[in-house]
Amino acid sequence: HQNSAVGHREILKVLDKGIKVYGASSMGALRASELDSLGMIG
């Protein structure tokens, strides 16, 4: 809430470039659960 949260499209853009993206614990866990079917690793 302090700033705008990292967006799904931002992460997908990174994944499209072949970069591995992992998420855990907090914001990482939330975004990984939403994008794990698209390549993000939770």
PDB file of all heavy atoms in Angstrom:
ATOM      1  N   HIS A   1       0.803  -1.221   0.000  1.00  0.00           N
ATOM      2  CA  HIS A   1       0.000   0.000   0.000  1.00  0.00           C
ATOM      3  C   HIS A   1       0.837   1.273   0.000  1.00  0.00           C
ATOM      4  O   HIS A   1       0.343   2.334  -0.353  1.00  0.00           O
ATOM      5  CB  HIS A   1      -0.937   0.000   1.218  1.00  0.00           C
ATOM      6  CG  HIS A   1      -1.852  -1.176   1.251  1.00  0.00           C
ATOM      7  ND1 HIS A   1      -2.836  -1.384   0.309  1.00  0.00           N
ATOM      8  CD2 HIS A   1      -1.938  -2.223   2.102  1.00  0.00           C
ATOM      9  CE1 HIS A   1      -3.492  -2.500   0.584  1.00  0.00           C
ATOM     10  NE2 HIS A   1      -2.959  -3.033   1.661  1.00  0.00           N
ATOM     11  N   GLN A   2       2.113   1.165   0.398  1.00  0.00           N
ATOM     12  CA  GLN A   2       2.959   2.356   0.432  1.00  0.00           C
ATOM     13  C   GLN A   2       3.208   2.885  -0.982  1.00  0.00           C
ATOM     14  O   GLN A   2       3.284   4.080  -1.208  1.00  0.00           O
ATOM     15  CB  GLN A   2       4.303   2.031   1.114  1.00  0.00           C
ATOM     16  CG  GLN A   2       4.167   1.625   2.572  1.00  0.00           C
ATOM     17  CD  GLN A   2       4.004   0.109   2.723  1.00  0.00           C
ATOM     18  OE1 GLN A   2       3.623  -0.581   1.784  1.00  0.00           O
ATOM     19  NE2 GLN A   2       4.270  -0.392   3.910  1.00  0.00           N
ATOM     20  N   ASN A   3       3.363   1.965  -1.943  1.00  0.00           N
ATOM     21  CA  ASN A   3       3.497   2.281  -3.369  1.00  0.00           C
ATOM     22  C   ASN A   3       2.683   1.253  -4.128  1.00  0.00           C
ATOM     23  O   ASN A   3       2.153   0.313  -3.550  1.00  0.00           O
ATOM     24  CB  ASN A   3       4.961   2.229  -3.818  1.00  0.00           C
ATOM     25  CG  ASN A   3       5.845   3.243  -3.116  1.00  0.00           C
ATOM     26  OD1 ASN A   3       6.504   2.937  -2.136  1.00  0.00           O
ATOM     27  ND2 ASN A   3       5.870   4.460  -3.627  1.00  0.00           N
ATOM     28  N   SER A   4       2.585   1.410  -5.447  1.00  0.00           N
ATOM     29  CA  SER A   4       1.879   0.406  -6.243  1.00  0.00           C
ATOM     30  C   SER A   4       2.655  -0.895  -6.220  1.00  0.00           C
ATOM     31  O   SER A   4       3.880  -0.910  -6.344  1.00  0.00           O
ATOM     32  CB  SER A   4       1.714   0.898  -7.686  1.00  0.00           C
ATOM     33  OG  SER A   4       0.906   2.063  -7.723  1.00  0.00           O
ATOM     34  N   ALA A   5       1.926  -2.002  -6.048  1.00  0.00           N
ATOM     35  CA  ALA A   5       2.565  -3.317  -5.982  1.00  0.00           C
ATOM     36  C   ALA A   5       3.071  -3.743  -7.352  1.00  0.00           C
ATOM     37  O   ALA A   5       2.564  -3.298  -8.395  1.00  0.00           O
ATOM     38  CB  ALA A   5       1.567  -4.345  -5.452  1.00  0.00           C
ATOM     39  N   VAL A   6       4.072  -4.626  -7.377  1.00  0.00           N
ATOM     40  CA  VAL A   6       4.595  -5.149  -8.635  1.00  0.00           C
ATOM     41  C   VAL A   6       3.463  -5.827  -9.398  1.00  0.00           C
ATOM     42  O   VAL A   6       2.663  -6.561  -8.833  1.00  0.00           O
ATOM     43  CB  VAL A   6       5.762  -6.126  -8.382  1.00  0.00           C
ATOM     44  CG1 VAL A   6       5.341  -7.319  -7.528  1.00  0.00           C
ATOM     45  CG2 VAL A   6       6.381  -6.592  -9.682  1.00  0.00           C
ATOM     46  N   GLY A   7       3.375  -5.545 -10.695  1.00  0.00           N
ATOM     47  CA  GLY A   7       2.272  -6.047 -11.497  1.00  0.00           C
ATOM     48  C   GLY A   7       2.543  -7.388 -12.152  1.00  0.00           C
ATOM     49  O   GLY A   7       3.697  -7.775 -12.356  1.00  0.00           O
ATOM     50  N   HIS A   8       1.473  -8.089 -12.497  1.00  0.00           N
ATOM     51  CA  HIS A   8       1.595  -9.392 -13.152  1.00  0.00           C
ATOM     52  C   HIS A   8       2.295  -9.257 -14.510  1.00  0.00           C
ATOM     53  O   HIS A   8       3.122 -10.084 -14.879  1.00  0.00           O
ATOM     54  CB  HIS A   8       0.214 -10.015 -13.336  1.00  0.00           C
ATOM     55  CG  HIS A   8      -0.531 -10.207 -12.044  1.00  0.00           C
ATOM     56  ND1 HIS A   8      -1.215  -9.186 -11.442  1.00  0.00           N
ATOM     57  CD2 HIS A   8      -0.665 -11.293 -11.247  1.00  0.00           C
ATOM     58  CE1 HIS A   8      -1.756  -9.641 -10.319  1.00  0.00           C
ATOM     59  NE2 HIS A   8      -1.444 -10.909 -10.179  1.00  0.00           N
ATOM     60  N   ARG A   9       1.949  -8.220 -15.258  1.00  0.00           N
ATOM     61  CA  ARG A   9       2.540  -8.042 -16.590  1.00  0.00           C
ATOM     62  C   ARG A   9       4.048  -7.824 -16.514  1.00  0.00           C
ATOM     63  O   ARG A   9       4.780  -8.260 -17.399  1.00  0.00           O
ATOM     64  CB  ARG A   9       1.866  -6.864 -17.303  1.00  0.00           C
ATOM     65  CG  ARG A   9       0.427  -7.137 -17.723  1.00  0.00           C
ATOM     66  CD  ARG A   9      -0.139  -5.974 -18.507  1.00  0.00           C
ATOM     67  NE  ARG A   9      -1.511  -6.234 -18.928  1.00  0.00           N
ATOM     68  CZ  ARG A   9      -2.253  -5.391 -19.645  1.00  0.00           C
ATOM     69  NH1 ARG A   9      -1.736  -4.223 -20.001  1.00  0.00           N
ATOM     70  NH2 ARG A   9      -3.484  -5.705 -19.982  1.00  0.00           N
ATOM     71  N   GLU A  10       4.490  -7.139 -15.461  1.00  0.00           N
ATOM     72  CA  GLU A  10       5.921  -6.917 -15.278  1.00  0.00           C
ATOM     73  C   GLU A  10       6.655  -8.246 -15.114  1.00  0.00           C
ATOM     74  O   GLU A  10       7.715  -8.475 -15.696  1.00  0.00           O
ATOM     75  CB  GLU A  10       6.167  -6.057 -14.046  1.00  0.00           C
ATOM     76  CG  GLU A  10       5.649  -4.640 -14.138  1.00  0.00           C
ATOM     77  CD  GLU A  10       5.865  -3.887 -12.838  1.00  0.00           C
ATOM     78  OE1 GLU A  10       5.016  -3.989 -11.938  1.00  0.00           O
ATOM     79  OE2 GLU A  10       6.907  -3.210 -12.704  1.00  0.00           O
ATOM     80  N   ILE A  11       6.079  -9.103 -14.305  1.00  0.00           N
ATOM     81  CA  ILE A  11       6.699 -10.412 -14.062  1.00  0.00           C
ATOM     82  C   ILE A  11       6.654 -11.258 -15.325  1.00  0.00           C
ATOM     83  O   ILE A  11       7.639 -11.936 -15.665  1.00  0.00           O
ATOM     84  CB  ILE A  11       6.002 -11.130 -12.889  1.00  0.00           C
ATOM     85  CG1 ILE A  11       6.185 -10.323 -11.599  1.00  0.00           C
ATOM     86  CG2 ILE A  11       6.551 -12.550 -12.717  1.00  0.00           C
ATOM     87  CD1 ILE A  11       5.397 -10.833 -10.423  1.00  0.00           C
ATOM     88  N   LEU A  12       5.532 -11.232 -16.031  1.00  0.00           N
ATOM     89  CA  LEU A  12       5.416 -12.008 -17.264  1.00  0.00           C
ATOM     90  C   LEU A  12       6.418 -11.541 -18.313  1.00  0.00           C
ATOM     91  O   LEU A  12       6.976 -12.359 -19.061  1.00  0.00           O
ATOM     92  CB  LEU A  12       3.989 -11.902 -17.816  1.00  0.00           C
ATOM     93  CG  LEU A  12       2.914 -12.614 -16.988  1.00  0.00           C
ATOM     94  CD1 LEU A  12       1.530 -12.324 -17.558  1.00  0.00           C
ATOM     95  CD2 LEU A  12       3.164 -14.128 -16.954  1.00  0.00           C
ATOM     96  N   LYS A  13       6.679 -10.257 -18.353  1.00  0.00           N
ATOM     97  CA  LYS A  13       7.662  -9.716 -19.294  1.00  0.00           C
ATOM     98  C   LYS A  13       9.044 -10.283 -18.984  1.00  0.00           C
ATOM     99  O   LYS A  13       9.812 -10.624 -19.903  1.00  0.00           O
ATOM    100  CB  LYS A  13       7.691  -8.189 -19.222  1.00  0.00           C
ATOM    101  CG  LYS A  13       8.632  -7.540 -20.228  1.00  0.00           C
ATOM    102  CD  LYS A  13       8.553  -6.018 -20.147  1.00  0.00           C
ATOM    103  CE  LYS A  13       9.503  -5.367 -21.150  1.00  0.00           C
ATOM    104  NZ  LYS A  13       9.445  -3.878 -21.068  1.00  0.00           N
ATOM    105  N   VAL A  14       9.366 -10.397 -17.709  1.00  0.00           N
ATOM    106  CA  VAL A  14      10.654 -10.960 -17.292  1.00  0.00           C
ATOM    107  C   VAL A  14      10.729 -12.436 -17.668  1.00  0.00           C
ATOM    108  O   VAL A  14      11.735 -12.916 -18.198  1.00  0.00           O
ATOM    109  CB  VAL A  14      10.845 -10.776 -15.773  1.00  0.00           C
ATOM    110  CG1 VAL A  14      12.099 -11.513 -15.298  1.00  0.00           C
ATOM    111  CG2 VAL A  14      10.948  -9.298 -15.422  1.00  0.00           C
ATOM    112  N   LEU A  15       9.659 -13.168 -17.404  1.00  0.00           N
ATOM    113  CA  LEU A  15       9.617 -14.589 -17.738  1.00  0.00           C
ATOM    114  C   LEU A  15       9.755 -14.814 -19.238  1.00  0.00           C
ATOM    115  O   LEU A  15      10.412 -15.760 -19.681  1.00  0.00           O
ATOM    116  CB  LEU A  15       8.308 -15.211 -17.238  1.00  0.00           C
ATOM    117  CG  LEU A  15       8.161 -15.350 -15.713  1.00  0.00           C
ATOM    118  CD1 LEU A  15       6.725 -15.705 -15.359  1.00  0.00           C
ATOM    119  CD2 LEU A  15       9.129 -16.397 -15.170  1.00  0.00           C
ATOM    120  N   ASP A  16       9.148 -13.933 -20.019  1.00  0.00           N
ATOM    121  CA  ASP A  16       9.221 -14.049 -21.491  1.00  0.00           C
ATOM    122  C   ASP A  16      10.643 -13.909 -22.009  1.00  0.00           C
ATOM    123  O   ASP A  16      10.960 -14.377 -23.109  1.00  0.00           O
ATOM    124  CB  ASP A  16       8.326 -12.998 -22.149  1.00  0.00           C
ATOM    125  CG  ASP A  16       6.841 -13.334 -22.039  1.00  0.00           C
ATOM    126  OD1 ASP A  16       6.526 -14.495 -21.731  1.00  0.00           O
ATOM    127  OD2 ASP A  16       6.004 -12.430 -22.242  1.00  0.00           O
ATOM    128  N   LYS A  17      11.498 -13.279 -21.218  1.00  0.00           N
ATOM    129  CA  LYS A  17      12.893 -13.108 -21.624  1.00  0.00           C
ATOM    130  C   LYS A  17      13.763 -14.291 -21.192  1.00  0.00           C
ATOM    131  O   LYS A  17      14.978 -14.260 -21.345  1.00  0.00           O
ATOM    132  CB  LYS A  17      13.442 -11.800 -21.058  1.00  0.00           C
ATOM    133  CG  LYS A  17      12.798 -10.563 -21.674  1.00  0.00           C
ATOM    134  CD  LYS A  17      13.448  -9.289 -21.188  1.00  0.00           C
ATOM    135  CE  LYS A  17      12.832  -8.069 -21.865  1.00  0.00           C
ATOM    136  NZ  LYS A  17      13.047  -8.072 -23.333  1.00  0.00           N
ATOM    137  N   GLY A  18      13.124 -15.314 -20.632  1.00  0.00           N
ATOM    138  CA  GLY A  18      13.859 -16.509 -20.231  1.00  0.00           C
ATOM    139  C   GLY A  18      14.528 -16.410 -18.878  1.00  0.00           C
ATOM    140  O   GLY A  18      15.350 -17.263 -18.517  1.00  0.00           O
ATOM    141  N   ILE A  19      14.172 -15.386 -18.131  1.00  0.00           N
ATOM    142  CA  ILE A  19      14.741 -15.205 -16.792  1.00  0.00           C
ATOM    143  C   ILE A  19      13.885 -15.980 -15.792  1.00  0.00           C
ATOM    144  O   ILE A  19      12.660 -15.886 -15.803  1.00  0.00           O
ATOM    145  CB  ILE A  19      14.768 -13.717 -16.406  1.00  0.00           C
ATOM    146  CG1 ILE A  19      15.637 -12.936 -17.402  1.00  0.00           C
ATOM    147  CG2 ILE A  19      15.263 -13.524 -14.973  1.00  0.00           C
ATOM    148  CD1 ILE A  19      15.503 -11.438 -17.293  1.00  0.00           C
ATOM    149  N   LYS A  20      14.520 -16.759 -14.919  1.00  0.00           N
ATOM    150  CA  LYS A  20      13.779 -17.500 -13.901  1.00  0.00           C
ATOM    151  C   LYS A  20      13.336 -16.544 -12.793  1.00  0.00           C
ATOM    152  O   LYS A  20      14.133 -15.737 -12.311  1.00  0.00           O
ATOM    153  CB  LYS A  20      14.632 -18.625 -13.313  1.00  0.00           C
ATOM    154  CG  LYS A  20      14.822 -19.810 -14.244  1.00  0.00           C
ATOM    155  CD  LYS A  20      15.517 -20.950 -13.515  1.00  0.00           C
ATOM    156  CE  LYS A  20      15.598 -22.192 -14.393  1.00  0.00           C
ATOM    157  NZ  LYS A  20      16.237 -23.335 -13.671  1.00  0.00           N
ATOM    158  N   VAL A  21      12.070 -16.649 -12.406  1.00  0.00           N
ATOM    159  CA  VAL A  21      11.549 -15.804 -11.330  1.00  0.00           C
ATOM    160  C   VAL A  21      10.975 -16.700 -10.240  1.00  0.00           C
ATOM    161  O   VAL A  21      10.102 -17.525 -10.497  1.00  0.00           O
ATOM    162  CB  VAL A  21      10.463 -14.832 -11.835  1.00  0.00           C
ATOM    163  CG1 VAL A  21      10.001 -13.933 -10.691  1.00  0.00           C
ATOM    164  CG2 VAL A  21      10.972 -14.004 -13.001  1.00  0.00           C
ATOM    165  N   TYR A  22      11.489 -16.520  -9.024  1.00  0.00           N
ATOM    166  CA  TYR A  22      11.040 -17.293  -7.868  1.00  0.00           C
ATOM    167  C   TYR A  22      10.297 -16.368  -6.899  1.00  0.00           C
ATOM    168  O   TYR A  22      10.594 -15.182  -6.806  1.00  0.00           O
ATOM    169  CB  TYR A  22      12.230 -17.900  -7.133  1.00  0.00           C
ATOM    170  CG  TYR A  22      13.009 -18.911  -7.932  1.00  0.00           C
ATOM    171  CD1 TYR A  22      14.019 -18.509  -8.816  1.00  0.00           C
ATOM    172  CD2 TYR A  22      12.758 -20.273  -7.809  1.00  0.00           C
ATOM    173  CE1 TYR A  22      14.747 -19.434  -9.541  1.00  0.00           C
ATOM    174  CE2 TYR A  22      13.491 -21.212  -8.542  1.00  0.00           C
ATOM    175  CZ  TYR A  22      14.469 -20.782  -9.396  1.00  0.00           C
ATOM    176  OH  TYR A  22      15.193 -21.705 -10.126  1.00  0.00           O
ATOM    177  N   GLY A  23       9.355 -16.939  -6.161  1.00  0.00           N
ATOM    178  CA  GLY A  23       8.629 -16.154  -5.175  1.00  0.00           C
ATOM    179  C   GLY A  23       8.367 -16.934  -3.907  1.00  0.00           C
ATOM    180  O   GLY A  23       8.137 -18.149  -3.947  1.00  0.00           O
ATOM    181  N   ALA A  24       8.413 -16.234  -2.779  1.00  0.00           N
ATOM    182  CA  ALA A  24       8.157 -16.877  -1.487  1.00  0.00           C
ATOM    183  C   ALA A  24       7.818 -15.831  -0.442  1.00  0.00           C
ATOM    184  O   ALA A  24       8.016 -14.630  -0.652  1.00  0.00           O
ATOM    185  CB  ALA A  24       9.378 -17.679  -1.031  1.00  0.00           C
ATOM    186  N   SER A  25       7.280 -16.303   0.675  1.00  0.00           N
ATOM    187  CA  SER A  25       7.193 -15.556   1.929  1.00  0.00           C
ATOM    188  C   SER A  25       6.086 -14.502   1.981  1.00  0.00           C
ATOM    189  O   SER A  25       5.192 -14.589   2.801  1.00  0.00           O
ATOM    190  CB  SER A  25       8.538 -14.900   2.245  1.00  0.00           C
ATOM    191  OG  SER A  25       8.523 -14.315   3.508  1.00  0.00           O
ATOM    192  N   SER A  26       6.153 -13.506   1.126  1.00  0.00           N
ATOM    193  CA  SER A  26       5.233 -12.378   1.215  1.00  0.00           C
ATOM    194  C   SER A  26       4.671 -12.053  -0.174  1.00  0.00           C
ATOM    195  O   SER A  26       3.944 -12.844  -0.741  1.00  0.00           O
ATOM    196  CB  SER A  26       5.957 -11.176   1.837  1.00  0.00           C
ATOM    197  OG  SER A  26       5.049 -10.170   2.184  1.00  0.00           O
ATOM    198  N   MET A  27       5.015 -10.892  -0.714  1.00  0.00           N
ATOM    199  CA  MET A  27       4.568 -10.559  -2.072  1.00  0.00           C
ATOM    200  C   MET A  27       4.987 -11.630  -3.066  1.00  0.00           C
ATOM    201  O   MET A  27       4.243 -11.959  -4.001  1.00  0.00           O
ATOM    202  CB  MET A  27       5.153  -9.198  -2.484  1.00  0.00           C
ATOM    203  CG  MET A  27       4.835  -8.787  -3.927  1.00  0.00           C
ATOM    204  SD  MET A  27       3.068  -8.586  -4.231  1.00  0.00           S
ATOM    205  CE  MET A  27       2.792  -6.991  -3.445  1.00  0.00           C
ATOM    206  N   GLY A  28       6.161 -12.205  -2.861  1.00  0.00           N
ATOM    207  CA  GLY A  28       6.642 -13.259  -3.757  1.00  0.00           C
ATOM    208  C   GLY A  28       5.735 -14.465  -3.755  1.00  0.00           C
ATOM    209  O   GLY A  28       5.463 -15.059  -4.803  1.00  0.00           O
ATOM    210  N   ALA A  29       5.253 -14.863  -2.581  1.00  0.00           N
ATOM    211  CA  ALA A  29       4.351 -16.011  -2.467  1.00  0.00           C
ATOM    212  C   ALA A  29       3.029 -15.728  -3.159  1.00  0.00           C
ATOM    213  O   ALA A  29       2.479 -16.580  -3.869  1.00  0.00           O
ATOM    214  CB  ALA A  29       4.116 -16.342  -1.000  1.00  0.00           C
ATOM    215  N   LEU A  30       2.505 -14.521  -2.954  1.00  0.00           N
ATOM    216  CA  LEU A  30       1.234 -14.134  -3.568  1.00  0.00           C
ATOM    217  C   LEU A  30       1.327 -14.148  -5.088  1.00  0.00           C
ATOM    218  O   LEU A  30       0.493 -14.775  -5.762  1.00  0.00           O
ATOM    219  CB  LEU A  30       0.838 -12.739  -3.070  1.00  0.00           C
ATOM    220  CG  LEU A  30      -0.405 -12.107  -3.707  1.00  0.00           C
ATOM    221  CD1 LEU A  30      -1.639 -12.960  -3.433  1.00  0.00           C
ATOM    222  CD2 LEU A  30      -0.593 -10.686  -3.190  1.00  0.00           C
ATOM    223  N   ARG A  31       2.345 -13.497  -5.640  1.00  0.00           N
ATOM    224  CA  ARG A  31       2.466 -13.434  -7.096  1.00  0.00           C
ATOM    225  C   ARG A  31       2.796 -14.810  -7.690  1.00  0.00           C
ATOM    226  O   ARG A  31       2.314 -15.153  -8.769  1.00  0.00           O
ATOM    227  CB  ARG A  31       3.540 -12.419  -7.493  1.00  0.00           C
ATOM    228  CG  ARG A  31       3.125 -10.983  -7.274  1.00  0.00           C
ATOM    229  CD  ARG A  31       2.021 -10.564  -8.230  1.00  0.00           C
ATOM    230  NE  ARG A  31       1.649  -9.165  -8.058  1.00  0.00           N
ATOM    231  CZ  ARG A  31       0.602  -8.749  -7.359  1.00  0.00           C
ATOM    232  NH1 ARG A  31      -0.200  -9.641  -6.769  1.00  0.00           N
ATOM    233  NH2 ARG A  31       0.328  -7.465  -7.249  1.00  0.00           N
ATOM    234  N   ALA A  32       3.574 -15.620  -6.994  1.00  0.00           N
ATOM    235  CA  ALA A  32       3.898 -16.956  -7.507  1.00  0.00           C
ATOM    236  C   ALA A  32       2.649 -17.817  -7.594  1.00  0.00           C
ATOM    237  O   ALA A  32       2.486 -18.594  -8.540  1.00  0.00           O
ATOM    238  CB  ALA A  32       4.939 -17.622  -6.612  1.00  0.00           C
ATOM    239  N   SER A  33       1.746 -17.682  -6.626  1.00  0.00           N
ATOM    240  CA  SER A  33       0.513 -18.476  -6.659  1.00  0.00           C
ATOM    241  C   SER A  33      -0.378 -18.066  -7.815  1.00  0.00           C
ATOM    242  O   SER A  33      -1.138 -18.881  -8.342  1.00  0.00           O
ATOM    243  CB  SER A  33      -0.243 -18.320  -5.340  1.00  0.00           C
ATOM    244  OG  SER A  33      -0.827 -17.039  -5.208  1.00  0.00           O
ATOM    245  N   GLU A  34      -0.268 -16.814  -8.228  1.00  0.00           N
ATOM    246  CA  GLU A  34      -1.095 -16.310  -9.333  1.00  0.00           C
ATOM    247  C   GLU A  34      -0.480 -16.601 -10.696  1.00  0.00           C
ATOM    248  O   GLU A  34      -1.193 -16.659 -11.699  1.00  0.00           O
ATOM    249  CB  GLU A  34      -1.278 -14.787  -9.169  1.00  0.00           C
ATOM    250  CG  GLU A  34      -2.053 -14.407  -7.917  1.00  0.00           C
ATOM    251  CD  GLU A  34      -1.892 -12.946  -7.537  1.00  0.00           C
ATOM    252  OE1 GLU A  34      -0.863 -12.320  -7.909  1.00  0.00           O
ATOM    253  OE2 GLU A  34      -2.777 -12.417  -6.847  1.00  0.00           O
ATOM    254  N   LEU A  35       0.845 -16.804 -10.722  1.00  0.00           N
ATOM    255  CA  LEU A  35       1.548 -16.943 -11.997  1.00  0.00           C
ATOM    256  C   LEU A  35       2.318 -18.254 -12.128  1.00  0.00           C
ATOM    257  O   LEU A  35       3.098 -18.414 -13.070  1.00  0.00           O
ATOM    258  CB  LEU A  35       2.519 -15.765 -12.185  1.00  0.00           C
ATOM    259  CG  LEU A  35       1.881 -14.367 -12.244  1.00  0.00           C
ATOM    260  CD1 LEU A  35       2.951 -13.286 -12.242  1.00  0.00           C
ATOM    261  CD2 LEU A  35       1.001 -14.234 -13.481  1.00  0.00           C
ATOM    262  N   ASP A  36       2.108 -19.200 -11.212  1.00  0.00           N
ATOM    263  CA  ASP A  36       2.875 -20.447 -11.296  1.00  0.00           C
ATOM    264  C   ASP A  36       2.560 -21.244 -12.554  1.00  0.00           C
ATOM    265  O   ASP A  36       3.420 -21.941 -13.092  1.00  0.00           O
ATOM    266  CB  ASP A  36       2.698 -21.305 -10.038  1.00  0.00           C
ATOM    267  CG  ASP A  36       1.243 -21.565  -9.669  1.00  0.00           C
ATOM    268  OD1 ASP A  36       0.348 -21.203 -10.452  1.00  0.00           O
ATOM    269  OD2 ASP A  36       1.020 -22.136  -8.582  1.00  0.00           O
ATOM    270  N   SER A  37       1.335 -21.137 -13.063  1.00  0.00           N
ATOM    271  CA  SER A  37       0.983 -21.855 -14.293  1.00  0.00           C
ATOM    272  C   SER A  37       1.631 -21.225 -15.521  1.00  0.00           C
ATOM    273  O   SER A  37       1.638 -21.815 -16.604  1.00  0.00           O
ATOM    274  CB  SER A  37      -0.538 -21.880 -14.467  1.00  0.00           C
ATOM    275  OG  SER A  37      -1.046 -20.566 -14.617  1.00  0.00           O
ATOM    276  N   LEU A  38       2.195 -20.018 -15.338  1.00  0.00           N
ATOM    277  CA  LEU A  38       2.821 -19.300 -16.447  1.00  0.00           C
ATOM    278  C   LEU A  38       4.347 -19.243 -16.309  1.00  0.00           C
ATOM    279  O   LEU A  38       5.004 -18.544 -17.068  1.00  0.00           O
ATOM    280  CB  LEU A  38       2.246 -17.890 -16.545  1.00  0.00           C
ATOM    281  CG  LEU A  38       0.734 -17.830 -16.848  1.00  0.00           C
ATOM    282  CD1 LEU A  38       0.220 -16.403 -16.745  1.00  0.00           C
ATOM    283  CD2 LEU A  38       0.435 -18.400 -18.229  1.00  0.00           C
ATOM    284  N   GLY A  39       4.861 -19.966 -15.320  1.00  0.00           N
ATOM    285  CA  GLY A  39       6.315 -20.084 -15.242  1.00  0.00           C
ATOM    286  C   GLY A  39       6.987 -19.580 -13.990  1.00  0.00           C
ATOM    287  O   GLY A  39       8.151 -19.903 -13.743  1.00  0.00           O
ATOM    288  N   MET A  40       6.300 -18.775 -13.180  1.00  0.00           N
ATOM    289  CA  MET A  40       6.912 -18.319 -11.938  1.00  0.00           C
ATOM    290  C   MET A  40       6.952 -19.489 -10.958  1.00  0.00           C
ATOM    291  O   MET A  40       6.015 -20.286 -10.877  1.00  0.00           O
ATOM    292  CB  MET A  40       6.129 -17.142 -11.348  1.00  0.00           C
ATOM    293  CG  MET A  40       6.827 -16.486 -10.165  1.00  0.00           C
ATOM    294  SD  MET A  40       5.997 -14.952  -9.656  1.00  0.00           S
ATOM    295  CE  MET A  40       6.983 -14.512  -8.221  1.00  0.00           C
ATOM    296  N   ILE A  41       8.018 -19.587 -10.185  1.00  0.00           N
ATOM    297  CA  ILE A  41       8.231 -20.726  -9.294  1.00  0.00           C
ATOM    298  C   ILE A  41       8.007 -20.303  -7.847  1.00  0.00           C
ATOM    299  O   ILE A  41       8.687 -19.418  -7.334  1.00  0.00           O
ATOM    300  CB  ILE A  41       9.653 -21.293  -9.463  1.00  0.00           C
ATOM    301  CG1 ILE A  41       9.885 -21.705 -10.918  1.00  0.00           C
ATOM    302  CG2 ILE A  41       9.881 -22.479  -8.524  1.00  0.00           C
ATOM    303  CD1 ILE A  41      11.338 -21.941 -11.263  1.00  0.00           C
ATOM    304  N   GLY A  42       7.048 -20.940  -7.189  1.00  0.00           N
ATOM    305  CA  GLY A  42       6.746 -20.646  -5.792  1.00  0.00           C
ATOM    306  C   GLY A  42       7.422 -21.617  -4.852  1.00  0.00           C
ATOM    307  O   GLY A  42       7.590 -22.785  -5.167  1.00  0.00           O
TER     308      GLY A  42
END
